[in-house]
């Protein structure tokens, strides 16, 4: 039996028929997965891809591709997920228990959904 080490995270967007990966990362622990997902959520919410202030912890990956939202609902929900302690506590507990951490927001104007996902293992394990 192979022992799985490390964690992966990915941000995807879907129109209900197809999905596209906006970017992914493989890191050594669940806290770095959460840090990367939070950064992507804030980056997407705060500027539709505009550069943010550099993070104190440098991750070995690039940021995800930008998304243009057509309303304020999705950016507000992404910002809320990234900044409220209860959401972060729930995500880290899921990862600690071996479950994926998932969060999806919908841009109701155009029907796009954006999903932040983190899990133990490799990208192929999703």
C-alpha atoms as a PDB file:
ATOM      1  CA  UNK A   1       0.000   0.000   0.000  1.00  0.00           C
ATOM      2  CA  UNK A   2       1.332   3.443  -0.957  1.00  0.00           C
ATOM      3  CA  UNK A   3       1.390   6.126   1.708  1.00  0.00           C
ATOM      4  CA  UNK A   4       0.076   9.448   0.433  1.00  0.00           C
ATOM      5  CA  UNK A   5       2.046  12.477   1.517  1.00  0.00           C
ATOM      6  CA  UNK A   6       1.372  16.062   0.661  1.00  0.00           C
ATOM      7  CA  UNK A   7      -1.732  17.942  -0.351  1.00  0.00           C
ATOM      8  CA  UNK A   8      -3.139  19.386  -3.550  1.00  0.00           C
ATOM      9  CA  UNK A   9      -5.500  22.255  -4.302  1.00  0.00           C
ATOM     10  CA  UNK A  10      -7.222  23.484  -7.432  1.00  0.00           C
ATOM     11  CA  UNK A  11      -9.542  26.265  -8.540  1.00  0.00           C
ATOM     12  CA  UNK A  12     -12.006  25.371 -11.283  1.00  0.00           C
ATOM     13  CA  UNK A  13     -14.776  27.153 -13.140  1.00  0.00           C
ATOM     14  CA  UNK A  14     -17.795  25.531 -14.785  1.00  0.00           C
ATOM     15  CA  UNK A  15     -20.712  26.619 -16.922  1.00  0.00           C
ATOM     16  CA  UNK A  16     -22.717  23.493 -16.067  1.00  0.00           C
ATOM     17  CA  UNK A  17     -21.582  21.570 -19.127  1.00  0.00           C
ATOM     18  CA  UNK A  18     -17.794  21.955 -19.103  1.00  0.00           C
ATOM     19  CA  UNK A  19     -15.215  22.787 -16.488  1.00  0.00           C
ATOM     20  CA  UNK A  20     -11.793  24.372 -16.703  1.00  0.00           C
ATOM     21  CA  UNK A  21      -8.962  24.413 -14.221  1.00  0.00           C
ATOM     22  CA  UNK A  22      -7.763  27.940 -13.461  1.00  0.00           C
ATOM     23  CA  UNK A  23      -4.717  26.620 -11.626  1.00  0.00           C
ATOM     24  CA  UNK A  24      -3.524  24.122  -9.051  1.00  0.00           C
ATOM     25  CA  UNK A  25      -0.767  23.514  -6.526  1.00  0.00           C
ATOM     26  CA  UNK A  26       0.872  20.630  -4.661  1.00  0.00           C
ATOM     27  CA  UNK A  27       2.265  21.493  -1.225  1.00  0.00           C
ATOM     28  CA  UNK A  28       3.582  19.628   1.789  1.00  0.00           C
ATOM     29  CA  UNK A  29       0.815  20.265   4.350  1.00  0.00           C
ATOM     30  CA  UNK A  30      -2.826  21.232   4.794  1.00  0.00           C
ATOM     31  CA  UNK A  31      -2.053  24.701   6.160  1.00  0.00           C
ATOM     32  CA  UNK A  32      -0.268  25.600   2.921  1.00  0.00           C
ATOM     33  CA  UNK A  33      -3.260  24.297   0.940  1.00  0.00           C
ATOM     34  CA  UNK A  34      -5.535  26.568   2.927  1.00  0.00           C
ATOM     35  CA  UNK A  35      -3.139  29.506   2.576  1.00  0.00           C
ATOM     36  CA  UNK A  36      -3.046  29.050  -1.206  1.00  0.00           C
ATOM     37  CA  UNK A  37      -6.839  28.696  -1.486  1.00  0.00           C
ATOM     38  CA  UNK A  38      -7.391  31.798   0.658  1.00  0.00           C
ATOM     39  CA  UNK A  39      -4.955  33.785  -1.471  1.00  0.00           C
ATOM     40  CA  UNK A  40      -6.709  32.725  -4.668  1.00  0.00           C
ATOM     41  CA  UNK A  41     -10.150  33.537  -3.234  1.00  0.00           C
ATOM     42  CA  UNK A  42      -9.037  37.032  -2.188  1.00  0.00           C
ATOM     43  CA  UNK A  43      -7.189  37.622  -5.428  1.00  0.00           C
ATOM     44  CA  UNK A  44     -10.230  36.690  -7.494  1.00  0.00           C
ATOM     45  CA  UNK A  45     -12.625  38.642  -5.260  1.00  0.00           C
ATOM     46  CA  UNK A  46     -10.596  41.805  -4.809  1.00  0.00           C
ATOM     47  CA  UNK A  47      -9.376  42.585  -8.256  1.00  0.00           C
ATOM     48  CA  UNK A  48     -10.518  40.222 -10.940  1.00  0.00           C
ATOM     49  CA  UNK A  49      -6.864  39.289 -11.422  1.00  0.00           C
ATOM     50  CA  UNK A  50      -5.126  42.530 -10.451  1.00  0.00           C
ATOM     51  CA  UNK A  51      -1.875  42.026  -8.495  1.00  0.00           C
ATOM     52  CA  UNK A  52      -2.096  41.912  -4.700  1.00  0.00           C
ATOM     53  CA  UNK A  53       0.418  42.912  -2.067  1.00  0.00           C
ATOM     54  CA  UNK A  54       3.091  40.176  -1.803  1.00  0.00           C
ATOM     55  CA  UNK A  55       2.354  37.471   0.763  1.00  0.00           C
ATOM     56  CA  UNK A  56       4.727  36.926   3.697  1.00  0.00           C
ATOM     57  CA  UNK A  57       4.884  33.206   2.835  1.00  0.00           C
ATOM     58  CA  UNK A  58       6.044  32.459  -0.701  1.00  0.00           C
ATOM     59  CA  UNK A  59       4.430  29.398  -2.234  1.00  0.00           C
ATOM     60  CA  UNK A  60       6.142  27.461  -5.024  1.00  0.00           C
ATOM     61  CA  UNK A  61       3.437  28.203  -7.573  1.00  0.00           C
ATOM     62  CA  UNK A  62       1.783  30.916  -9.577  1.00  0.00           C
ATOM     63  CA  UNK A  63      -1.653  32.358  -8.954  1.00  0.00           C
ATOM     64  CA  UNK A  64      -4.698  31.141 -10.847  1.00  0.00           C
ATOM     65  CA  UNK A  65      -5.957  32.749 -14.025  1.00  0.00           C
ATOM     66  CA  UNK A  66      -8.255  35.731 -13.405  1.00  0.00           C
ATOM     67  CA  UNK A  67     -12.034  35.551 -13.722  1.00  0.00           C
ATOM     68  CA  UNK A  68     -14.332  38.452 -14.536  1.00  0.00           C
ATOM     69  CA  UNK A  69     -17.477  38.252 -12.425  1.00  0.00           C
ATOM     70  CA  UNK A  70     -20.665  39.852 -13.701  1.00  0.00           C
ATOM     71  CA  UNK A  71     -22.111  40.720 -10.307  1.00  0.00           C
ATOM     72  CA  UNK A  72     -21.008  41.269  -6.727  1.00  0.00           C
ATOM     73  CA  UNK A  73     -22.384  38.057  -5.191  1.00  0.00           C
ATOM     74  CA  UNK A  74     -19.489  35.720  -6.109  1.00  0.00           C
ATOM     75  CA  UNK A  75     -16.691  38.126  -5.087  1.00  0.00           C
ATOM     76  CA  UNK A  76     -18.435  38.868  -1.774  1.00  0.00           C
ATOM     77  CA  UNK A  77     -18.816  35.152  -1.023  1.00  0.00           C
ATOM     78  CA  UNK A  78     -15.193  34.426  -1.924  1.00  0.00           C
ATOM     79  CA  UNK A  79     -14.039  37.254   0.336  1.00  0.00           C
ATOM     80  CA  UNK A  80     -16.274  36.021   3.153  1.00  0.00           C
ATOM     81  CA  UNK A  81     -14.952  32.451   2.836  1.00  0.00           C
ATOM     82  CA  UNK A  82     -11.337  33.658   2.881  1.00  0.00           C
ATOM     83  CA  UNK A  83     -11.659  36.011   5.846  1.00  0.00           C
ATOM     84  CA  UNK A  84     -14.150  34.483   8.281  1.00  0.00           C
ATOM     85  CA  UNK A  85     -12.684  32.180  10.894  1.00  0.00           C
ATOM     86  CA  UNK A  86     -15.603  29.738  10.906  1.00  0.00           C
ATOM     87  CA  UNK A  87     -15.110  28.939   7.210  1.00  0.00           C
ATOM     88  CA  UNK A  88     -11.371  28.489   7.671  1.00  0.00           C
ATOM     89  CA  UNK A  89     -11.900  26.297  10.755  1.00  0.00           C
ATOM     90  CA  UNK A  90     -14.324  24.097   8.837  1.00  0.00           C
ATOM     91  CA  UNK A  91     -11.897  23.738   5.912  1.00  0.00           C
ATOM     92  CA  UNK A  92      -8.888  22.832   8.073  1.00  0.00           C
ATOM     93  CA  UNK A  93     -10.948  20.313  10.083  1.00  0.00           C
ATOM     94  CA  UNK A  94     -12.094  18.637   6.857  1.00  0.00           C
ATOM     95  CA  UNK A  95      -8.488  18.357   5.667  1.00  0.00           C
ATOM     96  CA  UNK A  96      -7.332  17.060   9.075  1.00  0.00           C
ATOM     97  CA  UNK A  97      -9.996  14.351   8.932  1.00  0.00           C
ATOM     98  CA  UNK A  98      -8.894  13.274   5.449  1.00  0.00           C
ATOM     99  CA  UNK A  99     -11.846  14.802   3.597  1.00  0.00           C
ATOM    100  CA  UNK A 100     -11.588  17.389   0.829  1.00  0.00           C
ATOM    101  CA  UNK A 101     -12.180  21.041   1.617  1.00  0.00           C
ATOM    102  CA  UNK A 102     -14.605  22.394  -0.973  1.00  0.00           C
ATOM    103  CA  UNK A 103     -16.204  25.780  -1.499  1.00  0.00           C
ATOM    104  CA  UNK A 104     -18.264  26.768  -4.554  1.00  0.00           C
ATOM    105  CA  UNK A 105     -19.708  30.147  -5.499  1.00  0.00           C
ATOM    106  CA  UNK A 106     -22.081  30.938  -8.338  1.00  0.00           C
ATOM    107  CA  UNK A 107     -22.108  33.963 -10.601  1.00  0.00           C
ATOM    108  CA  UNK A 108     -25.883  33.927 -11.158  1.00  0.00           C
ATOM    109  CA  UNK A 109     -25.809  36.520 -13.949  1.00  0.00           C
ATOM    110  CA  UNK A 110     -24.066  34.120 -16.344  1.00  0.00           C
ATOM    111  CA  UNK A 111     -24.451  30.773 -14.561  1.00  0.00           C
ATOM    112  CA  UNK A 112     -20.763  30.147 -13.896  1.00  0.00           C
ATOM    113  CA  UNK A 113     -19.655  28.322 -10.766  1.00  0.00           C
ATOM    114  CA  UNK A 114     -16.197  28.641  -9.285  1.00  0.00           C
ATOM    115  CA  UNK A 115     -14.895  25.938  -6.931  1.00  0.00           C
ATOM    116  CA  UNK A 116     -11.981  26.043  -4.512  1.00  0.00           C
ATOM    117  CA  UNK A 117     -10.864  22.533  -3.582  1.00  0.00           C
ATOM    118  CA  UNK A 118      -8.112  21.104  -1.404  1.00  0.00           C
ATOM    119  CA  UNK A 119      -7.392  17.454  -0.547  1.00  0.00           C
ATOM    120  CA  UNK A 120      -4.751  15.062   0.712  1.00  0.00           C
ATOM    121  CA  UNK A 121      -2.813  13.468  -2.124  1.00  0.00           C
ATOM    122  CA  UNK A 122      -1.883  14.382  -5.662  1.00  0.00           C
ATOM    123  CA  UNK A 123      -3.889  16.251  -8.320  1.00  0.00           C
ATOM    124  CA  UNK A 124      -4.813  12.906  -9.904  1.00  0.00           C
ATOM    125  CA  UNK A 125      -6.459  11.855  -6.598  1.00  0.00           C
ATOM    126  CA  UNK A 126      -9.268  14.416  -6.868  1.00  0.00           C
END
